[in-house]
C-alpha atoms as a PDB file:
ATOM      1  CA  MET A   1      68.358  15.365  62.222  1.00  0.00           C
ATOM      2  CA  GLU A   2      72.014  15.793  61.350  1.00  0.00           C
ATOM      3  CA  GLN A   3      73.524  19.192  61.981  1.00  0.00           C
ATOM      4  CA  SER A   4      77.004  20.320  62.814  1.00  0.00           C
ATOM      5  CA  THR A   5      77.461  22.566  65.819  1.00  0.00           C
ATOM      6  CA  GLN A   6      80.629  24.078  64.361  1.00  0.00           C
ATOM      7  CA  ASN A   7      80.307  27.760  63.392  1.00  0.00           C
ATOM      8  CA  THR A   8      76.950  27.838  65.215  1.00  0.00           C
ATOM      9  CA  ALA A   9      75.614  30.307  67.780  1.00  0.00           C
ATOM     10  CA  LEU A  10      72.422  30.309  69.828  1.00  0.00           C
ATOM     11  CA  LEU A  11      70.704  33.705  69.826  1.00  0.00           C
ATOM     12  CA  VAL A  12      68.522  34.513  72.844  1.00  0.00           C
ATOM     13  CA  MET A  13      66.492  37.505  71.706  1.00  0.00           C
ATOM     14  CA  ASP A  14      64.420  40.028  73.673  1.00  0.00           C
ATOM     15  CA  MET A  15      64.146  37.772  76.731  1.00  0.00           C
ATOM     16  CA  GLN A  16      64.061  40.851  78.931  1.00  0.00           C
ATOM     17  CA  VAL A  17      62.109  41.346  82.122  1.00  0.00           C
ATOM     18  CA  GLY A  18      60.372  44.384  80.581  1.00  0.00           C
ATOM     19  CA  ILE A  19      59.159  42.364  77.595  1.00  0.00           C
ATOM     20  CA  LEU A  20      58.433  39.030  79.269  1.00  0.00           C
ATOM     21  CA  GLY A  21      55.948  40.819  81.525  1.00  0.00           C
ATOM     22  CA  MET A  22      53.710  41.301  78.475  1.00  0.00           C
ATOM     23  CA  LEU A  23      53.553  37.558  77.736  1.00  0.00           C
ATOM     24  CA  PRO A  24      50.781  35.568  79.479  1.00  0.00           C
ATOM     25  CA  ASP A  25      52.747  32.309  79.863  1.00  0.00           C
ATOM     26  CA  ALA A  26      56.271  33.689  80.188  1.00  0.00           C
ATOM     27  CA  GLY A  27      57.382  31.044  82.705  1.00  0.00           C
ATOM     28  CA  ALA A  28      57.006  28.187  80.217  1.00  0.00           C
ATOM     29  CA  VAL A  29      59.057  29.835  77.472  1.00  0.00           C
ATOM     30  CA  ILE A  30      61.710  30.945  79.994  1.00  0.00           C
ATOM     31  CA  GLY A  31      62.070  27.328  81.111  1.00  0.00           C
ATOM     32  CA  ARG A  32      62.463  26.043  77.561  1.00  0.00           C
ATOM     33  CA  VAL A  33      64.946  28.790  76.621  1.00  0.00           C
ATOM     34  CA  ALA A  34      66.922  27.908  79.752  1.00  0.00           C
ATOM     35  CA  GLY A  35      67.038  24.341  78.406  1.00  0.00           C
ATOM     36  CA  ALA A  36      68.323  25.550  75.023  1.00  0.00           C
ATOM     37  CA  ILE A  37      70.982  27.667  76.716  1.00  0.00           C
ATOM     38  CA  ALA A  38      72.120  24.732  78.866  1.00  0.00           C
ATOM     39  CA  SER A  39      72.295  22.505  75.789  1.00  0.00           C
ATOM     40  CA  ALA A  40      74.314  25.107  73.855  1.00  0.00           C
ATOM     41  CA  ARG A  41      76.740  25.604  76.732  1.00  0.00           C
ATOM     42  CA  ASP A  42      77.204  21.821  77.062  1.00  0.00           C
ATOM     43  CA  LYS A  43      78.073  21.635  73.351  1.00  0.00           C
ATOM     44  CA  LYS A  44      80.378  24.683  73.537  1.00  0.00           C
ATOM     45  CA  ILE A  45      78.052  26.612  71.215  1.00  0.00           C
ATOM     46  CA  PRO A  46      78.343  30.369  71.890  1.00  0.00           C
ATOM     47  CA  VAL A  47      75.232  31.962  73.394  1.00  0.00           C
ATOM     48  CA  ILE A  48      74.649  35.506  72.164  1.00  0.00           C
ATOM     49  CA  TYR A  49      72.033  37.633  73.888  1.00  0.00           C
ATOM     50  CA  VAL A  50      70.193  40.273  71.882  1.00  0.00           C
ATOM     51  CA  ILE A  51      68.219  42.927  73.735  1.00  0.00           C
ATOM     52  CA  VAL A  52      66.269  45.954  72.596  1.00  0.00           C
ATOM     53  CA  GLY A  53      66.866  49.232  74.331  1.00  0.00           C
ATOM     54  CA  PHE A  54      67.193  52.942  73.988  1.00  0.00           C
ATOM     55  CA  ARG A  55      69.055  55.781  75.611  1.00  0.00           C
ATOM     56  CA  GLN A  56      67.193  57.636  78.341  1.00  0.00           C
ATOM     57  CA  GLY A  57      64.484  59.695  76.661  1.00  0.00           C
ATOM     58  CA  SER A  58      64.436  57.342  73.631  1.00  0.00           C
ATOM     59  CA  PRO A  59      66.008  59.721  71.090  1.00  0.00           C
ATOM     60  CA  GLU A  60      66.387  56.759  68.675  1.00  0.00           C
ATOM     61  CA  ILE A  61      62.622  56.439  68.221  1.00  0.00           C
ATOM     62  CA  ASN A  62      61.343  58.196  65.119  1.00  0.00           C
ATOM     63  CA  MET A  63      57.655  59.098  65.107  1.00  0.00           C
ATOM     64  CA  ASN A  64      57.387  57.575  61.602  1.00  0.00           C
ATOM     65  CA  ASN A  65      58.071  54.140  63.136  1.00  0.00           C
ATOM     66  CA  LYS A  66      54.526  53.013  63.917  1.00  0.00           C
ATOM     67  CA  GLY A  67      55.595  50.141  66.174  1.00  0.00           C
ATOM     68  CA  PHE A  68      57.963  52.087  68.404  1.00  0.00           C
ATOM     69  CA  ALA A  69      56.294  55.537  68.212  1.00  0.00           C
ATOM     70  CA  ALA A  70      53.250  54.197  70.080  1.00  0.00           C
ATOM     71  CA  SER A  71      55.539  53.331  72.997  1.00  0.00           C
ATOM     72  CA  LYS A  72      57.905  56.322  72.827  1.00  0.00           C
ATOM     73  CA  GLU A  73      56.397  58.066  75.842  1.00  0.00           C
ATOM     74  CA  ARG A  74      56.440  54.859  77.908  1.00  0.00           C
ATOM     75  CA  PHE A  75      60.072  54.199  76.903  1.00  0.00           C
ATOM     76  CA  ALA A  76      61.062  57.830  77.452  1.00  0.00           C
ATOM     77  CA  ASN A  77      59.988  57.621  81.095  1.00  0.00           C
ATOM     78  CA  ALA A  78      61.121  54.047  81.715  1.00  0.00           C
ATOM     79  CA  ASN A  79      64.276  53.053  83.520  1.00  0.00           C
ATOM     80  CA  MET A  80      66.067  51.636  80.480  1.00  0.00           C
ATOM     81  CA  GLU A  81      68.648  49.834  82.580  1.00  0.00           C
ATOM     82  CA  GLU A  82      65.888  47.826  84.260  1.00  0.00           C
ATOM     83  CA  PHE A  83      63.916  47.330  81.033  1.00  0.00           C
ATOM     84  CA  MET A  84      66.978  45.925  79.242  1.00  0.00           C
ATOM     85  CA  LYS A  85      67.862  43.331  81.906  1.00  0.00           C
ATOM     86  CA  VAL A  86      67.678  39.738  80.711  1.00  0.00           C
ATOM     87  CA  HIS A  87      65.446  37.596  82.924  1.00  0.00           C
ATOM     88  CA  PRO A  88      67.605  36.294  85.812  1.00  0.00           C
ATOM     89  CA  ASP A  89      66.706  32.632  85.117  1.00  0.00           C
ATOM     90  CA  ILE A  90      68.432  32.859  81.721  1.00  0.00           C
ATOM     91  CA  ALA A  91      70.952  35.643  82.311  1.00  0.00           C
ATOM     92  CA  PRO A  92      74.279  35.701  80.467  1.00  0.00           C
ATOM     93  CA  GLN A  93      77.314  34.128  82.087  1.00  0.00           C
ATOM     94  CA  ALA A  94      80.668  35.859  82.277  1.00  0.00           C
ATOM     95  CA  GLY A  95      82.188  36.038  78.807  1.00  0.00           C
ATOM     96  CA  GLU A  96      78.876  35.719  76.934  1.00  0.00           C
ATOM     97  CA  VAL A  97      78.121  38.593  74.594  1.00  0.00           C
ATOM     98  CA  THR A  98      75.072  40.844  74.844  1.00  0.00           C
ATOM     99  CA  VAL A  99      74.146  42.898  71.791  1.00  0.00           C
ATOM    100  CA  ILE A 100      71.893  45.949  72.081  1.00  0.00           C
ATOM    101  CA  LYS A 101      69.640  46.644  69.111  1.00  0.00           C
ATOM    102  CA  ARG A 102      67.514  49.710  68.446  1.00  0.00           C
ATOM    103  CA  ARG A 103      64.797  48.192  66.269  1.00  0.00           C
ATOM    104  CA  VAL A 104      62.964  44.892  65.803  1.00  0.00           C
ATOM    105  CA  SER A 105      65.638  42.966  63.865  1.00  0.00           C
ATOM    106  CA  ALA A 106      68.660  41.806  65.847  1.00  0.00           C
ATOM    107  CA  PHE A 107      70.832  43.400  63.162  1.00  0.00           C
ATOM    108  CA  THR A 108      69.354  46.918  63.092  1.00  0.00           C
ATOM    109  CA  GLY A 109      71.275  49.422  65.142  1.00  0.00           C
ATOM    110  CA  SER A 110      73.510  46.730  66.665  1.00  0.00           C
ATOM    111  CA  ASP A 111      76.958  45.266  66.186  1.00  0.00           C
ATOM    112  CA  LEU A 112      75.598  41.702  65.839  1.00  0.00           C
ATOM    113  CA  GLU A 113      77.171  41.154  62.435  1.00  0.00           C
ATOM    114  CA  VAL A 114      80.598  42.199  63.736  1.00  0.00           C
ATOM    115  CA  ILE A 115      80.249  39.722  66.620  1.00  0.00           C
ATOM    116  CA  LEU A 116      79.120  36.914  64.289  1.00  0.00           C
ATOM    117  CA  ARG A 117      82.118  37.486  62.014  1.00  0.00           C
ATOM    118  CA  ALA A 118      84.501  37.626  64.989  1.00  0.00           C
ATOM    119  CA  PHE A 119      83.204  34.225  66.171  1.00  0.00           C
ATOM    120  CA  GLY A 120      83.159  32.775  62.634  1.00  0.00           C
ATOM    121  CA  ILE A 121      79.423  32.099  62.901  1.00  0.00           C
ATOM    122  CA  GLN A 122      77.627  30.921  59.774  1.00  0.00           C
ATOM    123  CA  HIS A 123      74.663  29.191  61.444  1.00  0.00           C
ATOM    124  CA  MET A 124      72.301  30.943  63.847  1.00  0.00           C
ATOM    125  CA  VAL A 125      69.835  29.139  66.080  1.00  0.00           C
ATOM    126  CA  LEU A 126      67.031  31.545  66.978  1.00  0.00           C
ATOM    127  CA  THR A 127      64.982  31.777  70.179  1.00  0.00           C
ATOM    128  CA  GLY A 128      63.024  34.672  71.625  1.00  0.00           C
ATOM    129  CA  ILE A 129      59.941  36.789  71.768  1.00  0.00           C
ATOM    130  CA  ALA A 130      58.041  37.759  69.840  1.00  0.00           C
ATOM    131  CA  THR A 131      57.849  35.240  67.039  1.00  0.00           C
ATOM    132  CA  GLY A 132      56.199  37.874  64.826  1.00  0.00           C
ATOM    133  CA  GLY A 133      58.739  40.517  65.884  1.00  0.00           C
ATOM    134  CA  VAL A 134      62.426  39.880  66.537  1.00  0.00           C
ATOM    135  CA  VAL A 135      62.387  36.261  65.358  1.00  0.00           C
ATOM    136  CA  LEU A 136      60.683  37.035  62.030  1.00  0.00           C
ATOM    137  CA  SER A 137      62.725  40.185  61.341  1.00  0.00           C
ATOM    138  CA  THR A 138      66.033  38.575  62.272  1.00  0.00           C
ATOM    139  CA  LEU A 139      65.300  35.410  60.296  1.00  0.00           C
ATOM    140  CA  ARG A 140      64.441  37.365  57.142  1.00  0.00           C
ATOM    141  CA  GLU A 141      67.503  39.590  57.344  1.00  0.00           C
ATOM    142  CA  ALA A 142      69.836  36.718  58.253  1.00  0.00           C
ATOM    143  CA  ALA A 143      68.527  34.645  55.338  1.00  0.00           C
ATOM    144  CA  ASP A 144      69.233  37.565  52.986  1.00  0.00           C
ATOM    145  CA  LYS A 145      72.764  37.679  54.434  1.00  0.00           C
ATOM    146  CA  ASP A 146      73.209  33.951  53.629  1.00  0.00           C
ATOM    147  CA  TYR A 147      73.336  32.587  57.190  1.00  0.00           C
ATOM    148  CA  ARG A 148      72.128  29.052  57.860  1.00  0.00           C
ATOM    149  CA  LEU A 149      69.180  29.246  60.211  1.00  0.00           C
ATOM    150  CA  THR A 150      67.401  27.070  62.719  1.00  0.00           C
ATOM    151  CA  VAL A 151      64.409  28.206  64.757  1.00  0.00           C
ATOM    152  CA  ILE A 152      63.594  26.377  67.977  1.00  0.00           C
ATOM    153  CA  ALA A 153      59.830  26.826  67.702  1.00  0.00           C
ATOM    154  CA  ASP A 154      58.947  26.078  71.320  1.00  0.00           C
ATOM    155  CA  CYS A 155      61.656  28.514  72.498  1.00  0.00           C
ATOM    156  CA  CYS A 156      59.814  31.330  70.742  1.00  0.00           C
ATOM    157  CA  ALA A 157      56.525  32.882  71.734  1.00  0.00           C
ATOM    158  CA  ASP A 158      54.123  35.533  70.554  1.00  0.00           C
ATOM    159  CA  GLY A 159      51.227  37.317  72.194  1.00  0.00           C
ATOM    160  CA  ASP A 160      49.129  35.950  69.325  1.00  0.00           C
ATOM    161  CA  GLU A 161      49.328  32.148  69.235  1.00  0.00           C
ATOM    162  CA  GLU A 162      47.986  32.034  65.665  1.00  0.00           C
ATOM    163  CA  VAL A 163      50.810  34.298  64.442  1.00  0.00           C
ATOM    164  CA  HIS A 164      53.310  31.971  66.148  1.00  0.00           C
ATOM    165  CA  ARG A 165      51.720  28.884  64.575  1.00  0.00           C
ATOM    166  CA  VAL A 166      51.572  30.299  61.041  1.00  0.00           C
ATOM    167  CA  LEU A 167      55.149  31.582  61.156  1.00  0.00           C
ATOM    168  CA  THR A 168      56.668  28.394  62.588  1.00  0.00           C
ATOM    169  CA  THR A 169      54.703  25.996  60.378  1.00  0.00           C
ATOM    170  CA  LYS A 170      54.272  27.880  57.093  1.00  0.00           C
ATOM    171  CA  VAL A 171      56.638  30.860  56.790  1.00  0.00           C
ATOM    172  CA  PHE A 172      59.893  30.012  58.602  1.00  0.00           C
ATOM    173  CA  PRO A 173      60.410  26.573  56.981  1.00  0.00           C
ATOM    174  CA  ARG A 174      61.026  28.337  53.653  1.00  0.00           C
ATOM    175  CA  GLN A 175      64.234  29.857  55.035  1.00  0.00           C
ATOM    176  CA  ALA A 176      65.143  27.859  58.147  1.00  0.00           C
ATOM    177  CA  ASP A 177      65.013  24.473  59.790  1.00  0.00           C
ATOM    178  CA  VAL A 178      62.241  24.609  62.381  1.00  0.00           C
ATOM    179  CA  VAL A 179      62.688  22.208  65.286  1.00  0.00           C
ATOM    180  CA  THR A 180      61.586  21.648  68.864  1.00  0.00           C
ATOM    181  CA  LEU A 181      63.898  22.033  71.839  1.00  0.00           C
ATOM    182  CA  GLU A 182      63.896  18.253  72.250  1.00  0.00           C
ATOM    183  CA  GLU A 183      65.007  17.744  68.646  1.00  0.00           C
ATOM    184  CA  TRP A 184      67.669  20.443  68.835  1.00  0.00           C
ATOM    185  CA  SER A 185      69.061  19.131  72.124  1.00  0.00           C
ATOM    186  CA  LYS A 186      69.826  15.786  70.449  1.00  0.00           C
ATOM    187  CA  ILE A 187      72.103  17.354  67.806  1.00  0.00           C
END
């Protein structure tokens, strides 16, 4: 697989303590994402962290948003600072950017696009949870914005393994290169 690393960024999405706790085998995906981060840093590829979070009381959550409305009360009473922390095994290093989003897509309610332009990024490599959430939404929007895309399939996870399988084998390949961590690390 021949790919340039120029104008490329690795996105680490929703790898937060508060979200990873909902994933049965979080340790395995954390380990693989740590490998992707190490590989990116070795190649001088910027690592951009994307986290979901809300102000205290969750005023950003509209009751018309079925996905977030169901959790509004839980979010309203949660310590958002703790919820938004990236897992310590894959935490950002000094100088790495963290983007806060307010919806499922990494673009919605965030300054991700401003950061990508500032870095000259044209190719995004996606990792994160859930495959059927942030990865799918970000991939679709990024494709519509004409970014080149790669998904590291084994650095993504979903609470529903079948959703993960269908997306990574049937849906994502229409708009992105889908690779394993081992394949991507050899670039």
